């Protein structure tokens, strides 16, 4: 969804000094930041809910074991997913051997 909003999935010539075109890019960037923030919060709260549910299940021994093990496991899993999504974005952005304005906005 964010790649489509940023204009990464289609080629568009940019670089003119047209004020109308610059306004369109600012609008696109604002929309992208808005939807990205919303999607990030939705995913973050879903992850918190999923990990807390796993932590509360308690099938592998004492509750202290779950608190001790699940928290670092969740941190490493979320860090891994973050790095994976960054690599996927970079792969898509460099597919045409260059990073243009829309891809730069998508990454930031």
PDB file of N, CA and C in Angstrom:
ATOM      1  N   UNK A   1       0.821  -1.190   0.000  1.00  0.00           N
ATOM      2  CA  UNK A   1       0.000   0.000   0.000  1.00  0.00           C
ATOM      3  C   UNK A   1       0.868   1.259   0.000  1.00  0.00           C
ATOM      4  N   UNK A   2       1.924   1.240   0.804  1.00  0.00           N
ATOM      5  CA  UNK A   2       2.758   2.433   0.870  1.00  0.00           C
ATOM      6  C   UNK A   2       3.568   2.622  -0.408  1.00  0.00           C
ATOM      7  N   UNK A   3       3.958   1.521  -1.046  1.00  0.00           N
ATOM      8  CA  UNK A   3       4.688   1.644  -2.316  1.00  0.00           C
ATOM      9  C   UNK A   3       3.809   2.279  -3.381  1.00  0.00           C
ATOM     10  N   UNK A   4       2.543   1.896  -3.404  1.00  0.00           N
ATOM     11  CA  UNK A   4       1.615   2.475  -4.376  1.00  0.00           C
ATOM     12  C   UNK A   4       1.406   3.959  -4.097  1.00  0.00           C
ATOM     13  N   UNK A   5       1.232   4.336  -2.813  1.00  0.00           N
ATOM     14  CA  UNK A   5       1.037   5.740  -2.471  1.00  0.00           C
ATOM     15  C   UNK A   5       2.252   6.587  -2.808  1.00  0.00           C
ATOM     16  N   UNK A   6       3.437   6.015  -2.657  1.00  0.00           N
ATOM     17  CA  UNK A   6       4.655   6.767  -2.951  1.00  0.00           C
ATOM     18  C   UNK A   6       4.917   6.881  -4.437  1.00  0.00           C
ATOM     19  N   UNK A   7       4.255   6.072  -5.244  1.00  0.00           N
ATOM     20  CA  UNK A   7       4.467   6.104  -6.684  1.00  0.00           C
ATOM     21  C   UNK A   7       5.626   5.240  -7.114  1.00  0.00           C
ATOM     22  N   UNK A   8       6.023   4.292  -6.273  1.00  0.00           N
ATOM     23  CA  UNK A   8       7.151   3.431  -6.589  1.00  0.00           C
ATOM     24  C   UNK A   8       6.793   2.410  -7.654  1.00  0.00           C
ATOM     25  N   UNK A   9       5.549   2.028  -7.737  1.00  0.00           N
ATOM     26  CA  UNK A   9       5.142   0.952  -8.634  1.00  0.00           C
ATOM     27  C   UNK A   9       4.912   1.390 -10.070  1.00  0.00           C
ATOM     28  N   UNK A  10       5.100   2.652 -10.364  1.00  0.00           N
ATOM     29  CA  UNK A  10       4.991   3.132 -11.737  1.00  0.00           C
ATOM     30  C   UNK A  10       6.071   4.179 -11.971  1.00  0.00           C
ATOM     31  N   UNK A  11       6.466   4.340 -13.213  1.00  0.00           N
ATOM     32  CA  UNK A  11       7.501   5.310 -13.560  1.00  0.00           C
ATOM     33  C   UNK A  11       6.859   6.666 -13.795  1.00  0.00           C
ATOM     34  N   UNK A  12       7.473   7.664 -13.197  1.00  0.00           N
ATOM     35  CA  UNK A  12       7.006   9.025 -13.383  1.00  0.00           C
ATOM     36  C   UNK A  12       8.218   9.934 -13.503  1.00  0.00           C
ATOM     37  N   UNK A  13       8.237  10.742 -14.520  1.00  0.00           N
ATOM     38  CA  UNK A  13       9.336  11.686 -14.678  1.00  0.00           C
ATOM     39  C   UNK A  13       9.160  12.844 -13.703  1.00  0.00           C
ATOM     40  N   UNK A  14      10.213  13.133 -12.969  1.00  0.00           N
ATOM     41  CA  UNK A  14      10.194  14.246 -12.022  1.00  0.00           C
ATOM     42  C   UNK A  14      11.422  15.103 -12.249  1.00  0.00           C
ATOM     43  N   UNK A  15      11.504  16.170 -11.511  1.00  0.00           N
ATOM     44  CA  UNK A  15      12.690  16.997 -11.604  1.00  0.00           C
ATOM     45  C   UNK A  15      12.427  18.365 -12.201  1.00  0.00           C
ATOM     46  N   UNK A  16      11.219  18.651 -12.630  1.00  0.00           N
ATOM     47  CA  UNK A  16      10.934  19.981 -13.146  1.00  0.00           C
ATOM     48  C   UNK A  16      10.729  20.930 -11.981  1.00  0.00           C
ATOM     49  N   UNK A  17      10.805  22.204 -12.248  1.00  0.00           N
ATOM     50  CA  UNK A  17      10.612  23.210 -11.216  1.00  0.00           C
ATOM     51  C   UNK A  17       9.189  23.757 -11.217  1.00  0.00           C
ATOM     52  N   UNK A  18       8.263  22.983 -11.699  1.00  0.00           N
ATOM     53  CA  UNK A  18       6.867  23.391 -11.754  1.00  0.00           C
ATOM     54  C   UNK A  18       6.274  23.406 -10.340  1.00  0.00           C
ATOM     55  N   UNK A  19       5.765  24.553  -9.877  1.00  0.00           N
ATOM     56  CA  UNK A  19       5.189  24.625  -8.523  1.00  0.00           C
ATOM     57  C   UNK A  19       4.008  23.681  -8.315  1.00  0.00           C
ATOM     58  N   UNK A  20       3.231  23.462  -9.367  1.00  0.00           N
ATOM     59  CA  UNK A  20       2.086  22.552  -9.249  1.00  0.00           C
ATOM     60  C   UNK A  20       2.560  21.116  -9.018  1.00  0.00           C
ATOM     61  N   UNK A  21       3.627  20.724  -9.726  1.00  0.00           N
ATOM     62  CA  UNK A  21       4.172  19.379  -9.552  1.00  0.00           C
ATOM     63  C   UNK A  21       4.768  19.220  -8.152  1.00  0.00           C
ATOM     64  N   UNK A  22       5.445  20.251  -7.662  1.00  0.00           N
ATOM     65  CA  UNK A  22       6.004  20.190  -6.308  1.00  0.00           C
ATOM     66  C   UNK A  22       4.896  20.072  -5.273  1.00  0.00           C
ATOM     67  N   UNK A  23       3.790  20.753  -5.481  1.00  0.00           N
ATOM     68  CA  UNK A  23       2.652  20.652  -4.560  1.00  0.00           C
ATOM     69  C   UNK A  23       2.073  19.240  -4.580  1.00  0.00           C
ATOM     70  N   UNK A  24       2.033  18.621  -5.755  1.00  0.00           N
ATOM     71  CA  UNK A  24       1.542  17.244  -5.846  1.00  0.00           C
ATOM     72  C   UNK A  24       2.449  16.288  -5.090  1.00  0.00           C
ATOM     73  N   UNK A  25       3.773  16.494  -5.207  1.00  0.00           N
ATOM     74  CA  UNK A  25       4.720  15.646  -4.480  1.00  0.00           C
ATOM     75  C   UNK A  25       4.596  15.838  -2.978  1.00  0.00           C
ATOM     76  N   UNK A  26       4.399  17.080  -2.530  1.00  0.00           N
ATOM     77  CA  UNK A  26       4.214  17.323  -1.098  1.00  0.00           C
ATOM     78  C   UNK A  26       2.941  16.655  -0.592  1.00  0.00           C
ATOM     79  N   UNK A  27       1.873  16.730  -1.385  1.00  0.00           N
ATOM     80  CA  UNK A  27       0.614  16.077  -1.014  1.00  0.00           C
ATOM     81  C   UNK A  27       0.798  14.573  -0.946  1.00  0.00           C
ATOM     82  N   UNK A  28       1.491  14.012  -1.935  1.00  0.00           N
ATOM     83  CA  UNK A  28       1.739  12.566  -1.950  1.00  0.00           C
ATOM     84  C   UNK A  28       2.561  12.154  -0.737  1.00  0.00           C
ATOM     85  N   UNK A  29       3.581  12.939  -0.407  1.00  0.00           N
ATOM     86  CA  UNK A  29       4.424  12.611   0.748  1.00  0.00           C
ATOM     87  C   UNK A  29       3.624  12.691   2.046  1.00  0.00           C
ATOM     88  N   UNK A  30       2.773  13.685   2.168  1.00  0.00           N
ATOM     89  CA  UNK A  30       1.941  13.827   3.358  1.00  0.00           C
ATOM     90  C   UNK A  30       0.984  12.649   3.506  1.00  0.00           C
ATOM     91  N   UNK A  31       0.353  12.247   2.414  1.00  0.00           N
ATOM     92  CA  UNK A  31      -0.548  11.087   2.447  1.00  0.00           C
ATOM     93  C   UNK A  31       0.210   9.819   2.821  1.00  0.00           C
ATOM     94  N   UNK A  32       1.400   9.668   2.256  1.00  0.00           N
ATOM     95  CA  UNK A  32       2.209   8.492   2.548  1.00  0.00           C
ATOM     96  C   UNK A  32       2.596   8.445   4.014  1.00  0.00           C
ATOM     97  N   UNK A  33       3.017   9.567   4.567  1.00  0.00           N
ATOM     98  CA  UNK A  33       3.395   9.605   5.983  1.00  0.00           C
ATOM     99  C   UNK A  33       2.197   9.314   6.882  1.00  0.00           C
ATOM    100  N   UNK A  34       1.047   9.811   6.502  1.00  0.00           N
ATOM    101  CA  UNK A  34      -0.172   9.585   7.284  1.00  0.00           C
ATOM    102  C   UNK A  34      -0.547   8.104   7.299  1.00  0.00           C
ATOM    103  N   UNK A  35      -0.638   7.495   6.131  1.00  0.00           N
ATOM    104  CA  UNK A  35      -1.046   6.094   6.066  1.00  0.00           C
ATOM    105  C   UNK A  35       0.031   5.186   6.647  1.00  0.00           C
ATOM    106  N   UNK A  36       1.297   5.538   6.476  1.00  0.00           N
ATOM    107  CA  UNK A  36       2.384   4.739   7.046  1.00  0.00           C
ATOM    108  C   UNK A  36       2.332   4.761   8.560  1.00  0.00           C
ATOM    109  N   UNK A  37       2.090   5.929   9.123  1.00  0.00           N
ATOM    110  CA  UNK A  37       1.980   6.019  10.580  1.00  0.00           C
ATOM    111  C   UNK A  37       0.805   5.221  11.103  1.00  0.00           C
ATOM    112  N   UNK A  38      -0.313   5.285  10.391  1.00  0.00           N
ATOM    113  CA  UNK A  38      -1.487   4.533  10.808  1.00  0.00           C
ATOM    114  C   UNK A  38      -1.234   3.024  10.714  1.00  0.00           C
ATOM    115  N   UNK A  39      -0.652   2.575   9.610  1.00  0.00           N
ATOM    116  CA  UNK A  39      -0.357   1.147   9.448  1.00  0.00           C
ATOM    117  C   UNK A  39       0.682   0.674  10.460  1.00  0.00           C
ATOM    118  N   UNK A  40       1.663   1.512  10.766  1.00  0.00           N
ATOM    119  CA  UNK A  40       2.670   1.142  11.757  1.00  0.00           C
ATOM    120  C   UNK A  40       2.044   0.968  13.140  1.00  0.00           C
ATOM    121  N   UNK A  41       1.135   1.848  13.498  1.00  0.00           N
ATOM    122  CA  UNK A  41       0.470   1.720  14.790  1.00  0.00           C
ATOM    123  C   UNK A  41      -0.426   0.476  14.843  1.00  0.00           C
ATOM    124  N   UNK A  42      -1.145   0.210  13.768  1.00  0.00           N
ATOM    125  CA  UNK A  42      -1.992  -0.986  13.719  1.00  0.00           C
ATOM    126  C   UNK A  42      -1.138  -2.245  13.865  1.00  0.00           C
ATOM    127  N   UNK A  43      -0.039  -2.308  13.119  1.00  0.00           N
ATOM    128  CA  UNK A  43       0.843  -3.475  13.198  1.00  0.00           C
ATOM    129  C   UNK A  43       1.494  -3.585  14.574  1.00  0.00           C
ATOM    130  N   UNK A  44       1.888  -2.458  15.140  1.00  0.00           N
ATOM    131  CA  UNK A  44       2.511  -2.470  16.464  1.00  0.00           C
ATOM    132  C   UNK A  44       1.564  -2.964  17.543  1.00  0.00           C
ATOM    133  N   UNK A  45       0.331  -2.467  17.529  1.00  0.00           N
ATOM    134  CA  UNK A  45      -0.641  -2.920  18.535  1.00  0.00           C
ATOM    135  C   UNK A  45      -1.017  -4.382  18.325  1.00  0.00           C
ATOM    136  N   UNK A  46      -1.080  -4.833  17.089  1.00  0.00           N
ATOM    137  CA  UNK A  46      -1.351  -6.248  16.824  1.00  0.00           C
ATOM    138  C   UNK A  46      -0.208  -7.118  17.343  1.00  0.00           C
ATOM    139  N   UNK A  47       1.026  -6.658  17.161  1.00  0.00           N
ATOM    140  CA  UNK A  47       2.179  -7.416  17.657  1.00  0.00           C
ATOM    141  C   UNK A  47       2.171  -7.466  19.186  1.00  0.00           C
ATOM    142  N   UNK A  48       1.884  -6.349  19.822  1.00  0.00           N
ATOM    143  CA  UNK A  48       1.799  -6.332  21.285  1.00  0.00           C
ATOM    144  C   UNK A  48       0.743  -7.321  21.764  1.00  0.00           C
ATOM    145  N   UNK A  49      -0.398  -7.313  21.116  1.00  0.00           N
ATOM    146  CA  UNK A  49      -1.474  -8.227  21.499  1.00  0.00           C
ATOM    147  C   UNK A  49      -1.071  -9.685  21.297  1.00  0.00           C
ATOM    148  N   UNK A  50      -0.438  -9.981  20.174  1.00  0.00           N
ATOM    149  CA  UNK A  50      -0.035 -11.360  19.890  1.00  0.00           C
ATOM    150  C   UNK A  50       1.019 -11.854  20.881  1.00  0.00           C
ATOM    151  N   UNK A  51       2.025 -11.056  21.132  1.00  0.00           N
ATOM    152  CA  UNK A  51       3.077 -11.475  22.067  1.00  0.00           C
ATOM    153  C   UNK A  51       2.557 -11.567  23.496  1.00  0.00           C
ATOM    154  N   UNK A  52       1.667 -10.674  23.896  1.00  0.00           N
ATOM    155  CA  UNK A  52       1.115 -10.761  25.253  1.00  0.00           C
ATOM    156  C   UNK A  52       0.218 -11.996  25.397  1.00  0.00           C
ATOM    157  N   UNK A  53      -0.492 -12.347  24.322  1.00  0.00           N
ATOM    158  CA  UNK A  53      -1.305 -13.568  24.354  1.00  0.00           C
ATOM    159  C   UNK A  53      -0.418 -14.797  24.492  1.00  0.00           C
ATOM    160  N   UNK A  54       0.666 -14.832  23.761  1.00  0.00           N
ATOM    161  CA  UNK A  54       1.609 -15.941  23.863  1.00  0.00           C
ATOM    162  C   UNK A  54       2.200 -16.005  25.268  1.00  0.00           C
ATOM    163  N   UNK A  55       2.494 -14.856  25.825  1.00  0.00           N
ATOM    164  CA  UNK A  55       3.073 -14.794  27.159  1.00  0.00           C
ATOM    165  C   UNK A  55       2.076 -15.274  28.216  1.00  0.00           C
ATOM    166  N   UNK A  56       0.809 -15.001  28.042  1.00  0.00           N
ATOM    167  CA  UNK A  56      -0.192 -15.370  29.038  1.00  0.00           C
ATOM    168  C   UNK A  56      -0.641 -16.826  28.938  1.00  0.00           C
ATOM    169  N   UNK A  57      -0.329 -17.513  27.859  1.00  0.00           N
ATOM    170  CA  UNK A  57      -0.744 -18.911  27.688  1.00  0.00           C
ATOM    171  C   UNK A  57      -0.123 -19.806  28.753  1.00  0.00           C
ATOM    172  N   UNK A  58       1.163 -19.667  28.997  1.00  0.00           N
ATOM    173  CA  UNK A  58       1.838 -20.332  30.109  1.00  0.00           C
ATOM    174  C   UNK A  58       1.986 -21.827  30.047  1.00  0.00           C
ATOM    175  N   UNK A  59       2.082 -22.469  28.927  1.00  0.00           N
ATOM    176  CA  UNK A  59       2.173 -23.913  28.867  1.00  0.00           C
ATOM    177  C   UNK A  59       3.555 -24.511  29.068  1.00  0.00           C
ATOM    178  N   UNK A  60       4.614 -23.737  29.147  1.00  0.00           N
ATOM    179  CA  UNK A  60       5.978 -24.292  29.165  1.00  0.00           C
ATOM    180  C   UNK A  60       6.650 -24.173  30.533  1.00  0.00           C
ATOM    181  N   UNK A  61       5.942 -24.248  31.621  1.00  0.00           N
ATOM    182  CA  UNK A  61       6.575 -24.160  32.932  1.00  0.00           C
ATOM    183  C   UNK A  61       5.999 -23.017  33.736  1.00  0.00           C
ATOM    184  N   UNK A  62       6.870 -22.389  34.471  1.00  0.00           N
ATOM    185  CA  UNK A  62       6.421 -21.330  35.375  1.00  0.00           C
ATOM    186  C   UNK A  62       6.161 -20.027  34.628  1.00  0.00           C
ATOM    187  N   UNK A  63       5.293 -19.166  35.195  1.00  0.00           N
ATOM    188  CA  UNK A  63       5.043 -17.864  34.566  1.00  0.00           C
ATOM    189  C   UNK A  63       6.297 -16.989  34.479  1.00  0.00           C
ATOM    190  N   UNK A  64       7.203 -17.132  35.432  1.00  0.00           N
ATOM    191  CA  UNK A  64       8.448 -16.354  35.384  1.00  0.00           C
ATOM    192  C   UNK A  64       9.279 -16.730  34.156  1.00  0.00           C
ATOM    193  N   UNK A  65       9.230 -17.992  33.768  1.00  0.00           N
ATOM    194  CA  UNK A  65       9.943 -18.440  32.575  1.00  0.00           C
ATOM    195  C   UNK A  65       9.412 -17.726  31.334  1.00  0.00           C
ATOM    196  N   UNK A  66       8.090 -17.600  31.232  1.00  0.00           N
ATOM    197  CA  UNK A  66       7.486 -16.933  30.078  1.00  0.00           C
ATOM    198  C   UNK A  66       7.860 -15.462  30.016  1.00  0.00           C
ATOM    199  N   UNK A  67       7.809 -14.807  31.146  1.00  0.00           N
ATOM    200  CA  UNK A  67       8.154 -13.384  31.171  1.00  0.00           C
ATOM    201  C   UNK A  67       9.605 -13.197  30.764  1.00  0.00           C
ATOM    202  N   UNK A  68      10.457 -14.102  31.217  1.00  0.00           N
ATOM    203  CA  UNK A  68      11.883 -13.985  30.928  1.00  0.00           C
ATOM    204  C   UNK A  68      12.214 -14.312  29.473  1.00  0.00           C
ATOM    205  N   UNK A  69      11.555 -15.302  28.917  1.00  0.00           N
ATOM    206  CA  UNK A  69      11.910 -15.787  27.582  1.00  0.00           C
ATOM    207  C   UNK A  69      11.143 -15.067  26.459  1.00  0.00           C
ATOM    208  N   UNK A  70       9.872 -14.811  26.646  1.00  0.00           N
ATOM    209  CA  UNK A  70       9.029 -14.266  25.579  1.00  0.00           C
ATOM    210  C   UNK A  70       9.431 -12.844  25.206  1.00  0.00           C
ATOM    211  N   UNK A  71       9.798 -12.032  26.185  1.00  0.00           N
ATOM    212  CA  UNK A  71      10.135 -10.634  25.884  1.00  0.00           C
ATOM    213  C   UNK A  71      11.348 -10.525  24.961  1.00  0.00           C
ATOM    214  N   UNK A  72      12.499 -11.176  25.267  1.00  0.00           N
ATOM    215  CA  UNK A  72      13.617 -11.092  24.296  1.00  0.00           C
ATOM    216  C   UNK A  72      13.292 -11.760  22.961  1.00  0.00           C
ATOM    217  N   UNK A  73      12.512 -12.846  23.020  1.00  0.00           N
ATOM    218  CA  UNK A  73      12.135 -13.513  21.776  1.00  0.00           C
ATOM    219  C   UNK A  73      11.306 -12.568  20.902  1.00  0.00           C
ATOM    220  N   UNK A  74      10.383 -11.851  21.510  1.00  0.00           N
ATOM    221  CA  UNK A  74       9.572 -10.885  20.767  1.00  0.00           C
ATOM    222  C   UNK A  74      10.441  -9.767  20.201  1.00  0.00           C
ATOM    223  N   UNK A  75      11.392  -9.274  20.998  1.00  0.00           N
ATOM    224  CA  UNK A  75      12.267  -8.194  20.532  1.00  0.00           C
ATOM    225  C   UNK A  75      13.082  -8.629  19.319  1.00  0.00           C
ATOM    226  N   UNK A  76      13.660  -9.834  19.380  1.00  0.00           N
ATOM    227  CA  UNK A  76      14.451 -10.319  18.246  1.00  0.00           C
ATOM    228  C   UNK A  76      13.581 -10.591  17.022  1.00  0.00           C
ATOM    229  N   UNK A  77      12.390 -11.117  17.229  1.00  0.00           N
ATOM    230  CA  UNK A  77      11.492 -11.384  16.105  1.00  0.00           C
ATOM    231  C   UNK A  77      11.075 -10.079  15.427  1.00  0.00           C
ATOM    232  N   UNK A  78      10.728  -9.072  16.208  1.00  0.00           N
ATOM    233  CA  UNK A  78      10.304  -7.796  15.622  1.00  0.00           C
ATOM    234  C   UNK A  78      11.471  -7.090  14.927  1.00  0.00           C
ATOM    235  N   UNK A  79      12.662  -7.185  15.510  1.00  0.00           N
ATOM    236  CA  UNK A  79      13.846  -6.611  14.861  1.00  0.00           C
ATOM    237  C   UNK A  79      14.125  -7.316  13.535  1.00  0.00           C
ATOM    238  N   UNK A  80      13.988  -8.637  13.525  1.00  0.00           N
ATOM    239  CA  UNK A  80      14.192  -9.398  12.292  1.00  0.00           C
ATOM    240  C   UNK A  80      13.189  -9.038  11.211  1.00  0.00           C
ATOM    241  N   UNK A  81      11.921  -8.899  11.595  1.00  0.00           N
ATOM    242  CA  UNK A  81      10.892  -8.505  10.625  1.00  0.00           C
ATOM    243  C   UNK A  81      11.134  -7.098  10.086  1.00  0.00           C
ATOM    244  N   UNK A  82      11.604  -6.216  10.959  1.00  0.00           N
ATOM    245  CA  UNK A  82      11.909  -4.853  10.533  1.00  0.00           C
ATOM    246  C   UNK A  82      13.038  -4.834   9.501  1.00  0.00           C
ATOM    247  N   UNK A  83      14.089  -5.607   9.765  1.00  0.00           N
ATOM    248  CA  UNK A  83      15.208  -5.665   8.827  1.00  0.00           C
ATOM    249  C   UNK A  83      14.804  -6.325   7.508  1.00  0.00           C
ATOM    250  N   UNK A  84      13.962  -7.356   7.598  1.00  0.00           N
ATOM    251  CA  UNK A  84      13.488  -8.022   6.386  1.00  0.00           C
ATOM    252  C   UNK A  84      12.671  -7.066   5.521  1.00  0.00           C
ATOM    253  N   UNK A  85      11.768  -6.311   6.136  1.00  0.00           N
ATOM    254  CA  UNK A  85      10.960  -5.385   5.350  1.00  0.00           C
ATOM    255  C   UNK A  85      11.816  -4.268   4.760  1.00  0.00           C
ATOM    256  N   UNK A  86      12.858  -3.845   5.473  1.00  0.00           N
ATOM    257  CA  UNK A  86      13.762  -2.822   4.927  1.00  0.00           C
ATOM    258  C   UNK A  86      14.504  -3.355   3.702  1.00  0.00           C
ATOM    259  N   UNK A  87      14.950  -4.604   3.773  1.00  0.00           N
ATOM    260  CA  UNK A  87      15.656  -5.195   2.629  1.00  0.00           C
ATOM    261  C   UNK A  87      14.729  -5.368   1.428  1.00  0.00           C
ATOM    262  N   UNK A  88      13.488  -5.723   1.679  1.00  0.00           N
ATOM    263  CA  UNK A  88      12.520  -5.868   0.586  1.00  0.00           C
ATOM    264  C   UNK A  88      12.264  -4.515  -0.067  1.00  0.00           C
ATOM    265  N   UNK A  89      12.089  -3.456   0.759  1.00  0.00           N
ATOM    266  CA  UNK A  89      11.890  -2.112   0.198  1.00  0.00           C
ATOM    267  C   UNK A  89      13.102  -1.691  -0.632  1.00  0.00           C
ATOM    268  N   UNK A  90      14.311  -1.955  -0.131  1.00  0.00           N
ATOM    269  CA  UNK A  90      15.515  -1.584  -0.866  1.00  0.00           C
ATOM    270  C   UNK A  90      15.624  -2.364  -2.173  1.00  0.00           C
ATOM    271  N   UNK A  91      15.283  -3.652  -2.152  1.00  0.00           N
ATOM    272  CA  UNK A  91      15.311  -4.464  -3.369  1.00  0.00           C
ATOM    273  C   UNK A  91      14.354  -3.907  -4.419  1.00  0.00           C
ATOM    274  N   UNK A  92      13.143  -3.561  -3.988  1.00  0.00           N
ATOM    275  CA  UNK A  92      12.153  -3.009  -4.922  1.00  0.00           C
ATOM    276  C   UNK A  92      12.601  -1.646  -5.436  1.00  0.00           C
ATOM    277  N   UNK A  93      13.159  -0.819  -4.547  1.00  0.00           N
ATOM    278  CA  UNK A  93      13.585   0.524  -4.946  1.00  0.00           C
ATOM    279  C   UNK A  93      14.742   0.472  -5.941  1.00  0.00           C
ATOM    280  N   UNK A  94      15.638  -0.494  -5.807  1.00  0.00           N
ATOM    281  CA  UNK A  94      16.803  -0.580  -6.689  1.00  0.00           C
ATOM    282  C   UNK A  94      16.562  -1.480  -7.897  1.00  0.00           C
ATOM    283  N   UNK A  95      15.336  -1.891  -8.111  1.00  0.00           N
ATOM    284  CA  UNK A  95      15.029  -2.780  -9.226  1.00  0.00           C
ATOM    285  C   UNK A  95      15.388  -2.156 -10.566  1.00  0.00           C
ATOM    286  N   UNK A  96      15.239  -0.834 -10.682  1.00  0.00           N
ATOM    287  CA  UNK A  96      15.567  -0.155 -11.935  1.00  0.00           C
ATOM    288  C   UNK A  96      16.956   0.491 -11.898  1.00  0.00           C
ATOM    289  N   UNK A  97      17.809   0.051 -10.984  1.00  0.00           N
ATOM    290  CA  UNK A  97      19.203   0.495 -10.857  1.00  0.00           C
ATOM    291  C   UNK A  97      19.362   1.940 -10.405  1.00  0.00           C
ATOM    292  N   UNK A  98      18.301   2.572  -9.909  1.00  0.00           N
ATOM    293  CA  UNK A  98      18.407   3.938  -9.401  1.00  0.00           C
ATOM    294  C   UNK A  98      17.313   4.163  -8.367  1.00  0.00           C
ATOM    295  N   UNK A  99      17.573   5.077  -7.458  1.00  0.00           N
ATOM    296  CA  UNK A  99      16.576   5.446  -6.458  1.00  0.00           C
ATOM    297  C   UNK A  99      16.123   6.857  -6.784  1.00  0.00           C
ATOM    298  N   UNK A 100      14.868   6.974  -7.235  1.00  0.00           N
ATOM    299  CA  UNK A 100      14.350   8.281  -7.606  1.00  0.00           C
ATOM    300  C   UNK A 100      13.576   8.891  -6.428  1.00  0.00           C
ATOM    301  N   UNK A 101      12.944  10.005  -6.676  1.00  0.00           N
ATOM    302  CA  UNK A 101      12.281  10.763  -5.613  1.00  0.00           C
ATOM    303  C   UNK A 101      11.180   9.962  -4.934  1.00  0.00           C
ATOM    304  N   UNK A 102      10.353   9.277  -5.710  1.00  0.00           N
ATOM    305  CA  UNK A 102       9.254   8.520  -5.112  1.00  0.00           C
ATOM    306  C   UNK A 102       9.781   7.388  -4.220  1.00  0.00           C
ATOM    307  N   UNK A 103      10.856   6.734  -4.635  1.00  0.00           N
ATOM    308  CA  UNK A 103      11.444   5.650  -3.837  1.00  0.00           C
ATOM    309  C   UNK A 103      12.112   6.203  -2.588  1.00  0.00           C
ATOM    310  N   UNK A 104      12.696   7.378  -2.689  1.00  0.00           N
ATOM    311  CA  UNK A 104      13.316   8.016  -1.538  1.00  0.00           C
ATOM    312  C   UNK A 104      12.260   8.406  -0.496  1.00  0.00           C
ATOM    313  N   UNK A 105      11.134   8.917  -0.966  1.00  0.00           N
ATOM    314  CA  UNK A 105      10.029   9.268  -0.058  1.00  0.00           C
ATOM    315  C   UNK A 105       9.486   7.988   0.597  1.00  0.00           C
ATOM    316  N   UNK A 106       9.402   6.911  -0.156  1.00  0.00           N
ATOM    317  CA  UNK A 106       8.895   5.635   0.364  1.00  0.00           C
ATOM    318  C   UNK A 106       9.784   5.117   1.474  1.00  0.00           C
ATOM    319  N   UNK A 107      11.102   5.250   1.330  1.00  0.00           N
ATOM    320  CA  UNK A 107      12.043   4.738   2.322  1.00  0.00           C
ATOM    321  C   UNK A 107      12.098   5.602   3.568  1.00  0.00           C
ATOM    322  N   UNK A 108      11.835   6.878   3.443  1.00  0.00           N
ATOM    323  CA  UNK A 108      11.987   7.767   4.613  1.00  0.00           C
ATOM    324  C   UNK A 108      10.829   7.765   5.542  1.00  0.00           C
TER     325      UNK A 108
END
